């Protein structure tokens, strides 16, 4: 049986981490995506229990009080968190558990799982990040400005305060996916 692994992906919104994770899951059968909980409203075709577990603020705060999250944070005016039981079960089964969380969440997770490996996905430039955010067509100009400001802070925290083992620039999707696949192979040895 392969060695179980907790793999944390962090990035600014729009850097491509979800696309990278999707591509990796096609290649690596033991890769399981941790489903986060959130208080934000579903976007487009998102379904509860598939992309996220969607909760009201009151429900989320009750889960916090019951210590049911590995980590949680308030980001962009919404709460996000990672349920604990799922992670433990998947690692015990030898799977690669992928978490898509921000730098604050990674810091919280590291206290409970110091063996977790962190990969921070970057864009080649701030201009490219802004273009990617605008091309989505899902955010207002104000929301994009907030996301860009937060991206600069997150990258600074990841580089100087976070426990990130790898930094990968997502300039070419196939190249970024190949590089991360090699990283995973090394970490599972």
N, C-alpha and C. Protein backbone atom coordinates (compact mmCIF):
# COMPACT_ATOMS: atom_id res chain seq x y z
N UNK A 1 0.85 -1.18 0.00
CA UNK A 1 0.00 0.00 0.00
C UNK A 1 0.89 1.24 0.00
N UNK A 2 0.49 2.25 -0.79
CA UNK A 2 1.23 3.51 -0.84
C UNK A 2 1.12 4.26 0.47
N UNK A 3 2.10 5.09 0.70
CA UNK A 3 2.12 5.93 1.89
C UNK A 3 1.07 7.03 1.74
N UNK A 4 0.21 7.19 2.73
CA UNK A 4 -0.76 8.27 2.73
C UNK A 4 -0.05 9.61 2.83
N UNK A 5 -0.66 10.63 2.27
CA UNK A 5 -0.02 11.93 2.19
C UNK A 5 -1.07 13.02 2.25
N UNK A 6 -0.78 14.06 3.01
CA UNK A 6 -1.63 15.26 3.02
C UNK A 6 -0.90 16.30 2.20
N UNK A 7 -1.57 16.77 1.15
CA UNK A 7 -0.98 17.72 0.21
C UNK A 7 -1.84 18.97 0.16
N UNK A 8 -1.27 20.09 0.59
CA UNK A 8 -2.01 21.34 0.65
C UNK A 8 -1.63 22.22 -0.53
N UNK A 9 -2.65 22.64 -1.27
CA UNK A 9 -2.48 23.59 -2.36
C UNK A 9 -3.04 24.93 -1.91
N UNK A 10 -2.24 25.97 -2.04
CA UNK A 10 -2.69 27.33 -1.77
C UNK A 10 -2.31 28.20 -2.95
N UNK A 11 -3.08 29.24 -3.16
CA UNK A 11 -2.80 30.17 -4.26
C UNK A 11 -3.79 31.31 -4.17
N UNK A 12 -3.47 32.36 -4.87
CA UNK A 12 -4.43 33.44 -5.02
C UNK A 12 -5.58 32.93 -5.87
N UNK A 13 -6.75 33.45 -5.63
CA UNK A 13 -7.89 33.12 -6.47
C UNK A 13 -7.55 33.49 -7.91
N UNK A 14 -7.70 32.52 -8.82
CA UNK A 14 -7.39 32.76 -10.22
C UNK A 14 -6.03 32.24 -10.66
N UNK A 15 -5.25 31.68 -9.75
CA UNK A 15 -3.92 31.18 -10.11
C UNK A 15 -3.96 29.83 -10.82
N UNK A 16 -5.10 29.15 -10.74
CA UNK A 16 -5.25 27.89 -11.45
C UNK A 16 -5.15 26.64 -10.61
N UNK A 17 -5.20 26.76 -9.29
CA UNK A 17 -5.01 25.57 -8.46
C UNK A 17 -6.11 24.54 -8.68
N UNK A 18 -7.35 24.97 -8.85
CA UNK A 18 -8.44 24.01 -9.06
C UNK A 18 -8.25 23.24 -10.37
N UNK A 19 -7.82 23.92 -11.40
CA UNK A 19 -7.56 23.26 -12.69
C UNK A 19 -6.41 22.27 -12.56
N UNK A 20 -5.36 22.67 -11.86
CA UNK A 20 -4.22 21.77 -11.64
C UNK A 20 -4.65 20.53 -10.86
N UNK A 21 -5.41 20.73 -9.81
CA UNK A 21 -5.88 19.60 -9.00
C UNK A 21 -6.73 18.66 -9.84
N UNK A 22 -7.61 19.21 -10.67
CA UNK A 22 -8.45 18.38 -11.54
C UNK A 22 -7.60 17.53 -12.47
N UNK A 23 -6.57 18.11 -13.06
CA UNK A 23 -5.69 17.37 -13.96
C UNK A 23 -4.91 16.29 -13.22
N UNK A 24 -4.43 16.60 -12.02
CA UNK A 24 -3.69 15.61 -11.23
C UNK A 24 -4.57 14.42 -10.85
N UNK A 25 -5.82 14.69 -10.50
CA UNK A 25 -6.74 13.62 -10.12
C UNK A 25 -7.00 12.66 -11.27
N UNK A 26 -6.91 13.14 -12.51
CA UNK A 26 -7.08 12.26 -13.67
C UNK A 26 -5.90 11.29 -13.78
N UNK A 27 -4.73 11.71 -13.33
CA UNK A 27 -3.51 10.91 -13.47
C UNK A 27 -3.22 10.01 -12.27
N UNK A 28 -3.67 10.41 -11.10
CA UNK A 28 -3.29 9.72 -9.87
C UNK A 28 -4.54 9.16 -9.19
N UNK A 29 -4.78 7.86 -9.31
CA UNK A 29 -6.04 7.29 -8.80
C UNK A 29 -6.20 7.35 -7.29
N UNK A 30 -5.10 7.46 -6.54
CA UNK A 30 -5.22 7.50 -5.08
C UNK A 30 -5.38 8.92 -4.55
N UNK A 31 -5.53 9.88 -5.44
CA UNK A 31 -5.69 11.27 -5.02
C UNK A 31 -7.17 11.56 -4.74
N UNK A 32 -7.41 12.05 -3.54
CA UNK A 32 -8.76 12.34 -3.09
C UNK A 32 -8.81 13.80 -2.67
N UNK A 33 -9.78 14.52 -3.20
CA UNK A 33 -9.90 15.94 -2.87
C UNK A 33 -10.73 16.10 -1.60
N UNK A 34 -10.18 16.78 -0.64
CA UNK A 34 -10.92 17.09 0.58
C UNK A 34 -11.98 18.12 0.23
N UNK A 35 -13.18 17.88 0.69
CA UNK A 35 -14.27 18.83 0.43
C UNK A 35 -14.35 19.79 1.61
N UNK A 36 -14.20 21.06 1.31
CA UNK A 36 -14.26 22.09 2.34
C UNK A 36 -15.70 22.48 2.62
N UNK A 37 -15.89 23.08 3.76
CA UNK A 37 -17.17 23.66 4.13
C UNK A 37 -17.08 25.17 3.97
N UNK A 38 -18.18 25.81 3.63
CA UNK A 38 -18.19 27.26 3.45
C UNK A 38 -19.56 27.85 3.73
N UNK A 39 -19.55 29.15 4.00
CA UNK A 39 -20.81 29.88 4.16
C UNK A 39 -21.15 30.69 2.91
N UNK A 40 -20.27 30.66 1.89
CA UNK A 40 -20.60 31.41 0.67
C UNK A 40 -21.69 30.67 -0.09
N UNK A 41 -22.37 31.38 -0.95
CA UNK A 41 -23.44 30.80 -1.76
C UNK A 41 -22.84 29.99 -2.91
N UNK A 42 -23.51 28.91 -3.32
CA UNK A 42 -23.02 28.14 -4.47
C UNK A 42 -22.94 29.00 -5.73
N UNK A 43 -21.91 28.72 -6.56
CA UNK A 43 -21.76 29.41 -7.84
C UNK A 43 -22.15 28.46 -8.96
N UNK A 44 -22.85 28.96 -9.94
CA UNK A 44 -23.19 28.17 -11.12
C UNK A 44 -23.83 26.85 -10.78
N UNK A 45 -23.20 25.77 -11.20
CA UNK A 45 -23.73 24.41 -11.02
C UNK A 45 -23.20 23.70 -9.78
N UNK A 46 -22.53 24.42 -8.87
CA UNK A 46 -21.97 23.77 -7.68
C UNK A 46 -23.07 23.08 -6.87
N UNK A 47 -22.71 21.91 -6.34
CA UNK A 47 -23.66 21.12 -5.55
C UNK A 47 -23.10 20.88 -4.15
N UNK A 48 -24.00 20.91 -3.18
CA UNK A 48 -23.63 20.64 -1.80
C UNK A 48 -23.08 19.22 -1.69
N UNK A 49 -21.91 19.08 -1.03
CA UNK A 49 -21.30 17.78 -0.84
C UNK A 49 -20.43 17.34 -2.00
N UNK A 50 -20.35 18.14 -3.06
CA UNK A 50 -19.51 17.81 -4.20
C UNK A 50 -18.34 18.79 -4.25
N UNK A 51 -18.62 20.05 -4.53
CA UNK A 51 -17.56 21.06 -4.54
C UNK A 51 -17.28 21.58 -3.13
N UNK A 52 -18.35 21.80 -2.36
CA UNK A 52 -18.28 22.28 -0.98
C UNK A 52 -19.45 21.71 -0.20
N UNK A 53 -19.33 21.77 1.14
CA UNK A 53 -20.48 21.62 2.01
C UNK A 53 -20.91 23.04 2.32
N UNK A 54 -22.12 23.41 1.93
CA UNK A 54 -22.60 24.78 2.11
C UNK A 54 -23.42 24.87 3.40
N UNK A 55 -23.02 25.82 4.27
CA UNK A 55 -23.68 26.02 5.55
C UNK A 55 -24.06 27.48 5.74
N UNK A 56 -25.03 27.71 6.59
CA UNK A 56 -25.32 29.08 7.02
C UNK A 56 -24.23 29.49 8.01
N UNK A 57 -24.11 30.76 8.28
CA UNK A 57 -23.13 31.25 9.24
C UNK A 57 -23.38 30.61 10.61
N UNK A 58 -24.65 30.51 10.99
CA UNK A 58 -24.99 29.93 12.29
C UNK A 58 -24.57 28.46 12.37
N UNK A 59 -24.85 27.69 11.32
CA UNK A 59 -24.45 26.28 11.29
C UNK A 59 -22.92 26.15 11.37
N UNK A 60 -22.22 26.99 10.62
CA UNK A 60 -20.77 26.92 10.59
C UNK A 60 -20.19 27.21 11.97
N UNK A 61 -20.71 28.22 12.64
CA UNK A 61 -20.22 28.57 13.97
C UNK A 61 -20.48 27.45 14.98
N UNK A 62 -21.57 26.72 14.80
CA UNK A 62 -21.84 25.57 15.68
C UNK A 62 -20.79 24.47 15.46
N UNK A 63 -20.42 24.24 14.20
CA UNK A 63 -19.38 23.25 13.90
C UNK A 63 -18.03 23.67 14.49
N UNK A 64 -17.73 24.96 14.44
CA UNK A 64 -16.50 25.48 15.06
C UNK A 64 -16.53 25.19 16.56
N UNK A 65 -17.66 25.50 17.19
CA UNK A 65 -17.79 25.29 18.64
C UNK A 65 -17.62 23.82 19.02
N UNK A 66 -18.01 22.92 18.12
CA UNK A 66 -17.89 21.48 18.38
C UNK A 66 -16.54 20.92 17.95
N UNK A 67 -15.60 21.81 17.56
CA UNK A 67 -14.23 21.43 17.19
C UNK A 67 -14.21 20.39 16.05
N UNK A 68 -15.08 20.60 15.05
CA UNK A 68 -15.20 19.64 13.95
C UNK A 68 -14.35 20.00 12.73
N UNK A 69 -13.55 21.06 12.82
CA UNK A 69 -12.70 21.46 11.71
C UNK A 69 -11.23 21.33 12.07
N UNK A 70 -10.42 20.91 11.10
CA UNK A 70 -8.97 20.93 11.26
C UNK A 70 -8.51 22.37 11.27
N UNK A 71 -9.09 23.13 10.36
CA UNK A 71 -8.77 24.54 10.23
C UNK A 71 -10.02 25.24 9.72
N UNK A 72 -10.10 26.51 10.02
CA UNK A 72 -11.15 27.34 9.46
C UNK A 72 -10.67 28.78 9.45
N UNK A 73 -11.26 29.56 8.57
CA UNK A 73 -10.89 30.98 8.46
C UNK A 73 -12.04 31.74 7.83
N UNK A 74 -12.02 33.03 8.05
CA UNK A 74 -12.95 33.92 7.34
C UNK A 74 -12.15 34.57 6.21
N UNK A 75 -12.60 34.35 4.98
CA UNK A 75 -11.90 34.84 3.79
C UNK A 75 -12.91 35.50 2.87
N UNK A 76 -12.60 36.69 2.41
CA UNK A 76 -13.48 37.43 1.50
C UNK A 76 -14.90 37.54 2.05
N UNK A 77 -15.03 37.66 3.37
CA UNK A 77 -16.34 37.84 3.99
C UNK A 77 -17.12 36.55 4.21
N UNK A 78 -16.54 35.40 3.93
CA UNK A 78 -17.20 34.11 4.15
C UNK A 78 -16.31 33.21 4.99
N UNK A 79 -16.94 32.22 5.64
CA UNK A 79 -16.18 31.23 6.41
C UNK A 79 -15.88 30.02 5.53
N UNK A 80 -14.69 29.44 5.73
CA UNK A 80 -14.26 28.22 5.06
C UNK A 80 -13.61 27.33 6.10
N UNK A 81 -13.77 26.00 5.98
CA UNK A 81 -13.13 25.09 6.93
C UNK A 81 -12.96 23.70 6.36
N UNK A 82 -12.11 22.91 7.00
CA UNK A 82 -11.81 21.55 6.56
C UNK A 82 -12.27 20.55 7.63
N UNK A 83 -13.24 19.69 7.29
CA UNK A 83 -13.68 18.67 8.24
C UNK A 83 -12.56 17.67 8.56
N UNK A 84 -12.45 17.29 9.81
CA UNK A 84 -11.34 16.48 10.33
C UNK A 84 -11.42 14.99 10.00
N UNK A 85 -12.54 14.36 10.20
CA UNK A 85 -12.67 12.91 10.09
C UNK A 85 -12.27 12.37 8.72
N UNK A 86 -12.69 13.06 7.68
CA UNK A 86 -12.40 12.63 6.31
C UNK A 86 -10.90 12.50 6.07
N UNK A 87 -10.13 13.49 6.53
CA UNK A 87 -8.67 13.50 6.31
C UNK A 87 -8.03 12.28 6.95
N UNK A 88 -8.33 12.05 8.21
CA UNK A 88 -7.72 10.94 8.94
C UNK A 88 -8.00 9.59 8.28
N UNK A 89 -9.22 9.38 7.86
CA UNK A 89 -9.61 8.12 7.24
C UNK A 89 -8.86 7.90 5.93
N UNK A 90 -8.78 8.92 5.09
CA UNK A 90 -8.14 8.78 3.78
C UNK A 90 -6.63 8.52 3.90
N UNK A 91 -5.96 9.22 4.80
CA UNK A 91 -4.52 9.00 4.99
C UNK A 91 -4.28 7.58 5.49
N UNK A 92 -5.10 7.10 6.40
CA UNK A 92 -4.96 5.74 6.92
C UNK A 92 -5.12 4.70 5.82
N UNK A 93 -5.90 5.01 4.80
CA UNK A 93 -6.11 4.10 3.67
C UNK A 93 -5.01 4.23 2.61
N UNK A 94 -4.02 5.10 2.83
CA UNK A 94 -2.92 5.25 1.89
C UNK A 94 -3.18 6.21 0.74
N UNK A 95 -4.21 7.00 0.85
CA UNK A 95 -4.55 7.94 -0.22
C UNK A 95 -3.81 9.27 -0.06
N UNK A 96 -3.76 10.02 -1.15
CA UNK A 96 -3.22 11.38 -1.14
C UNK A 96 -4.41 12.30 -0.96
N UNK A 97 -4.48 12.96 0.17
CA UNK A 97 -5.57 13.88 0.44
C UNK A 97 -5.14 15.28 0.03
N UNK A 98 -5.88 15.85 -0.89
CA UNK A 98 -5.58 17.18 -1.41
C UNK A 98 -6.49 18.18 -0.73
N UNK A 99 -5.86 19.21 -0.16
CA UNK A 99 -6.62 20.30 0.43
C UNK A 99 -6.33 21.57 -0.34
N UNK A 100 -7.36 22.30 -0.64
CA UNK A 100 -7.28 23.56 -1.36
C UNK A 100 -7.67 24.64 -0.34
N UNK A 101 -6.65 25.13 0.39
CA UNK A 101 -6.93 26.09 1.46
C UNK A 101 -5.97 27.27 1.38
N UNK A 102 -6.34 28.34 2.07
CA UNK A 102 -5.51 29.55 2.03
C UNK A 102 -4.35 29.44 3.02
N UNK A 103 -3.50 30.47 3.03
CA UNK A 103 -2.29 30.42 3.85
C UNK A 103 -2.59 30.41 5.35
N UNK A 104 -3.68 31.06 5.77
CA UNK A 104 -4.04 31.01 7.18
C UNK A 104 -4.48 29.61 7.57
N UNK A 105 -5.26 28.97 6.69
CA UNK A 105 -5.70 27.60 6.93
C UNK A 105 -4.54 26.63 6.99
N UNK A 106 -3.56 26.84 6.13
CA UNK A 106 -2.36 25.98 6.14
C UNK A 106 -1.64 26.10 7.48
N UNK A 107 -1.53 27.30 8.00
CA UNK A 107 -0.86 27.49 9.30
C UNK A 107 -1.61 26.75 10.40
N UNK A 108 -2.93 26.78 10.37
CA UNK A 108 -3.72 26.05 11.36
C UNK A 108 -3.55 24.54 11.19
N UNK A 109 -3.59 24.08 9.95
CA UNK A 109 -3.46 22.65 9.66
C UNK A 109 -2.10 22.13 10.12
N UNK A 110 -1.04 22.93 9.95
CA UNK A 110 0.31 22.51 10.33
C UNK A 110 0.43 22.20 11.81
N UNK A 111 -0.37 22.83 12.64
CA UNK A 111 -0.32 22.54 14.08
C UNK A 111 -0.81 21.11 14.36
N UNK A 112 -1.77 20.65 13.58
CA UNK A 112 -2.32 19.32 13.79
C UNK A 112 -1.62 18.26 12.93
N UNK A 113 -1.19 18.66 11.73
CA UNK A 113 -0.55 17.75 10.78
C UNK A 113 0.76 18.37 10.28
N UNK A 114 1.80 18.37 11.09
CA UNK A 114 3.07 19.01 10.66
C UNK A 114 3.71 18.30 9.47
N UNK A 115 3.31 17.07 9.20
CA UNK A 115 3.87 16.33 8.06
C UNK A 115 3.23 16.72 6.72
N UNK A 116 2.17 17.53 6.75
CA UNK A 116 1.50 17.95 5.51
C UNK A 116 2.46 18.73 4.63
N UNK A 117 2.43 18.44 3.34
CA UNK A 117 3.29 19.13 2.37
C UNK A 117 2.50 20.25 1.72
N UNK A 118 3.15 21.41 1.60
CA UNK A 118 2.49 22.57 1.02
C UNK A 118 3.04 22.93 -0.34
N UNK A 119 2.13 23.18 -1.28
CA UNK A 119 2.49 23.65 -2.62
C UNK A 119 1.75 24.96 -2.85
N UNK A 120 2.51 26.01 -3.12
CA UNK A 120 1.90 27.31 -3.39
C UNK A 120 1.98 27.55 -4.90
N UNK A 121 0.80 27.76 -5.51
CA UNK A 121 0.72 28.00 -6.95
C UNK A 121 0.75 29.50 -7.20
N UNK A 122 1.63 29.91 -8.11
CA UNK A 122 1.77 31.33 -8.43
C UNK A 122 1.47 31.57 -9.90
N UNK A 123 1.07 32.79 -10.23
CA UNK A 123 0.94 33.20 -11.63
C UNK A 123 2.23 33.88 -12.03
N UNK A 124 2.52 33.93 -13.34
CA UNK A 124 3.77 34.56 -13.78
C UNK A 124 3.85 36.05 -13.46
N UNK A 125 2.68 36.72 -13.35
CA UNK A 125 2.67 38.16 -13.05
C UNK A 125 1.33 38.55 -12.46
N UNK A 126 1.30 39.72 -11.84
CA UNK A 126 0.05 40.25 -11.28
C UNK A 126 -0.93 40.60 -12.40
N UNK A 127 -0.42 41.03 -13.53
CA UNK A 127 -1.28 41.37 -14.67
C UNK A 127 -2.01 40.13 -15.18
N UNK A 128 -1.31 39.01 -15.26
CA UNK A 128 -1.94 37.77 -15.70
C UNK A 128 -3.00 37.33 -14.70
N UNK A 129 -2.71 37.48 -13.41
CA UNK A 129 -3.70 37.13 -12.39
C UNK A 129 -4.96 37.97 -12.57
N UNK A 130 -4.80 39.27 -12.74
CA UNK A 130 -5.97 40.14 -12.92
C UNK A 130 -6.76 39.73 -14.17
N UNK A 131 -6.07 39.43 -15.25
CA UNK A 131 -6.74 39.00 -16.48
C UNK A 131 -7.54 37.73 -16.24
N UNK A 132 -6.96 36.78 -15.53
CA UNK A 132 -7.67 35.52 -15.24
C UNK A 132 -8.92 35.77 -14.40
N UNK A 133 -8.81 36.65 -13.39
CA UNK A 133 -9.96 36.95 -12.55
C UNK A 133 -11.08 37.61 -13.35
N UNK A 134 -10.71 38.54 -14.20
CA UNK A 134 -11.71 39.24 -15.01
C UNK A 134 -12.36 38.31 -16.04
N UNK A 135 -11.59 37.37 -16.58
CA UNK A 135 -12.13 36.48 -17.61
C UNK A 135 -13.18 35.51 -17.06
N UNK A 136 -13.19 35.30 -15.77
CA UNK A 136 -14.20 34.43 -15.15
C UNK A 136 -15.60 35.02 -15.32
N UNK A 137 -15.67 36.36 -15.20
CA UNK A 137 -16.96 37.03 -15.29
C UNK A 137 -17.86 36.79 -14.09
N UNK A 138 -17.29 36.40 -12.94
CA UNK A 138 -18.11 36.10 -11.76
C UNK A 138 -18.00 37.15 -10.66
N UNK A 139 -17.02 38.05 -10.75
CA UNK A 139 -16.78 39.00 -9.67
C UNK A 139 -16.92 40.44 -10.15
N UNK A 140 -17.33 41.31 -9.23
CA UNK A 140 -17.39 42.74 -9.51
C UNK A 140 -15.98 43.31 -9.49
N UNK A 141 -15.83 44.55 -10.00
CA UNK A 141 -14.52 45.21 -9.96
C UNK A 141 -14.02 45.33 -8.52
N UNK A 142 -14.94 45.61 -7.60
CA UNK A 142 -14.56 45.72 -6.18
C UNK A 142 -14.06 44.39 -5.65
N UNK A 143 -14.75 43.31 -5.98
CA UNK A 143 -14.32 41.98 -5.52
C UNK A 143 -12.96 41.61 -6.11
N UNK A 144 -12.73 41.96 -7.37
CA UNK A 144 -11.44 41.67 -8.00
C UNK A 144 -10.33 42.46 -7.32
N UNK A 145 -10.58 43.71 -7.00
CA UNK A 145 -9.58 44.52 -6.30
C UNK A 145 -9.23 43.91 -4.95
N UNK A 146 -10.24 43.41 -4.23
CA UNK A 146 -10.01 42.75 -2.93
C UNK A 146 -9.20 41.48 -3.13
N UNK A 147 -9.54 40.69 -4.12
CA UNK A 147 -8.81 39.44 -4.39
C UNK A 147 -7.36 39.71 -4.76
N UNK A 148 -7.11 40.76 -5.54
CA UNK A 148 -5.73 41.09 -5.91
C UNK A 148 -4.92 41.54 -4.70
N UNK A 149 -5.54 42.38 -3.84
CA UNK A 149 -4.85 42.82 -2.62
C UNK A 149 -4.56 41.63 -1.71
N UNK A 150 -5.54 40.74 -1.58
CA UNK A 150 -5.35 39.55 -0.75
C UNK A 150 -4.28 38.63 -1.34
N UNK A 151 -4.21 38.56 -2.67
CA UNK A 151 -3.21 37.71 -3.33
C UNK A 151 -1.80 38.14 -2.96
N UNK A 152 -1.55 39.42 -2.95
CA UNK A 152 -0.22 39.92 -2.59
C UNK A 152 0.12 39.55 -1.15
N UNK A 153 -0.84 39.69 -0.25
CA UNK A 153 -0.61 39.34 1.16
C UNK A 153 -0.37 37.84 1.31
N UNK A 154 -1.20 37.03 0.62
CA UNK A 154 -1.07 35.57 0.73
C UNK A 154 0.29 35.10 0.22
N UNK A 155 0.73 35.67 -0.89
CA UNK A 155 2.02 35.26 -1.44
C UNK A 155 3.16 35.64 -0.50
N UNK A 156 3.06 36.80 0.11
CA UNK A 156 4.09 37.23 1.06
C UNK A 156 4.12 36.31 2.28
N UNK A 157 2.95 35.99 2.80
CA UNK A 157 2.88 35.08 3.95
C UNK A 157 3.45 33.71 3.59
N UNK A 158 3.06 33.18 2.42
CA UNK A 158 3.55 31.87 1.99
C UNK A 158 5.07 31.85 1.87
N UNK A 159 5.64 32.90 1.31
CA UNK A 159 7.09 32.95 1.08
C UNK A 159 7.89 33.14 2.36
N UNK A 160 7.38 33.96 3.28
CA UNK A 160 8.20 34.35 4.42
C UNK A 160 7.75 33.80 5.76
N UNK A 161 6.49 33.37 5.87
CA UNK A 161 6.00 32.89 7.16
C UNK A 161 5.41 31.48 7.09
N UNK A 162 4.97 31.08 5.92
CA UNK A 162 4.28 29.79 5.76
C UNK A 162 5.25 28.64 5.66
N UNK A 163 4.72 27.45 5.85
CA UNK A 163 5.50 26.23 5.72
C UNK A 163 5.14 25.58 4.39
N UNK A 164 5.60 26.21 3.32
CA UNK A 164 5.36 25.67 1.98
C UNK A 164 6.65 25.04 1.50
N UNK A 165 6.54 23.80 1.06
CA UNK A 165 7.70 23.04 0.62
C UNK A 165 8.05 23.34 -0.83
N UNK A 166 7.04 23.73 -1.62
CA UNK A 166 7.23 23.94 -3.05
C UNK A 166 6.44 25.16 -3.53
N UNK A 167 7.04 25.88 -4.48
CA UNK A 167 6.39 26.99 -5.17
C UNK A 167 6.41 26.66 -6.65
N UNK A 168 5.23 26.66 -7.27
CA UNK A 168 5.12 26.29 -8.68
C UNK A 168 4.42 27.43 -9.42
N UNK A 169 5.08 27.94 -10.47
CA UNK A 169 4.48 28.99 -11.30
C UNK A 169 3.61 28.32 -12.36
N UNK A 170 2.34 28.71 -12.41
CA UNK A 170 1.41 28.16 -13.38
C UNK A 170 1.38 29.07 -14.62
N UNK A 171 2.42 28.97 -15.40
CA UNK A 171 2.51 29.70 -16.66
C UNK A 171 2.01 28.81 -17.79
N UNK A 172 2.37 27.54 -17.74
CA UNK A 172 1.94 26.54 -18.70
C UNK A 172 1.32 25.40 -17.91
N UNK A 173 0.03 25.16 -18.10
CA UNK A 173 -0.71 24.19 -17.29
C UNK A 173 -0.07 22.80 -17.31
N UNK A 174 0.23 22.29 -18.49
CA UNK A 174 0.80 20.94 -18.58
C UNK A 174 2.12 20.84 -17.84
N UNK A 175 2.94 21.86 -17.97
CA UNK A 175 4.24 21.87 -17.29
C UNK A 175 4.06 21.90 -15.77
N UNK A 176 3.13 22.74 -15.30
CA UNK A 176 2.88 22.83 -13.86
C UNK A 176 2.36 21.50 -13.31
N UNK A 177 1.45 20.86 -14.04
CA UNK A 177 0.91 19.57 -13.60
C UNK A 177 2.01 18.51 -13.57
N UNK A 178 2.84 18.47 -14.60
CA UNK A 178 3.95 17.50 -14.63
C UNK A 178 4.90 17.70 -13.45
N UNK A 179 5.22 18.93 -13.17
CA UNK A 179 6.13 19.22 -12.06
C UNK A 179 5.54 18.75 -10.73
N UNK A 180 4.27 19.02 -10.51
CA UNK A 180 3.64 18.62 -9.26
C UNK A 180 3.50 17.10 -9.18
N UNK A 181 3.24 16.45 -10.29
CA UNK A 181 3.18 14.99 -10.29
C UNK A 181 4.53 14.40 -9.86
N UNK A 182 5.63 14.98 -10.33
CA UNK A 182 6.96 14.53 -9.92
C UNK A 182 7.18 14.78 -8.42
N UNK A 183 6.72 15.91 -7.93
CA UNK A 183 6.82 16.22 -6.50
C UNK A 183 6.10 15.14 -5.68
N UNK A 184 4.90 14.77 -6.09
CA UNK A 184 4.12 13.76 -5.37
C UNK A 184 4.85 12.42 -5.36
N UNK A 185 5.42 12.04 -6.49
CA UNK A 185 6.16 10.78 -6.56
C UNK A 185 7.33 10.78 -5.57
N UNK A 186 8.03 11.89 -5.47
CA UNK A 186 9.13 11.99 -4.53
C UNK A 186 8.63 11.91 -3.09
N UNK A 187 7.55 12.59 -2.77
CA UNK A 187 7.02 12.62 -1.40
C UNK A 187 6.45 11.28 -0.96
N UNK A 188 6.02 10.45 -1.89
CA UNK A 188 5.45 9.15 -1.50
C UNK A 188 6.49 8.07 -1.31
N UNK A 189 7.74 8.37 -1.53
CA UNK A 189 8.80 7.36 -1.36
C UNK A 189 9.09 7.11 0.10
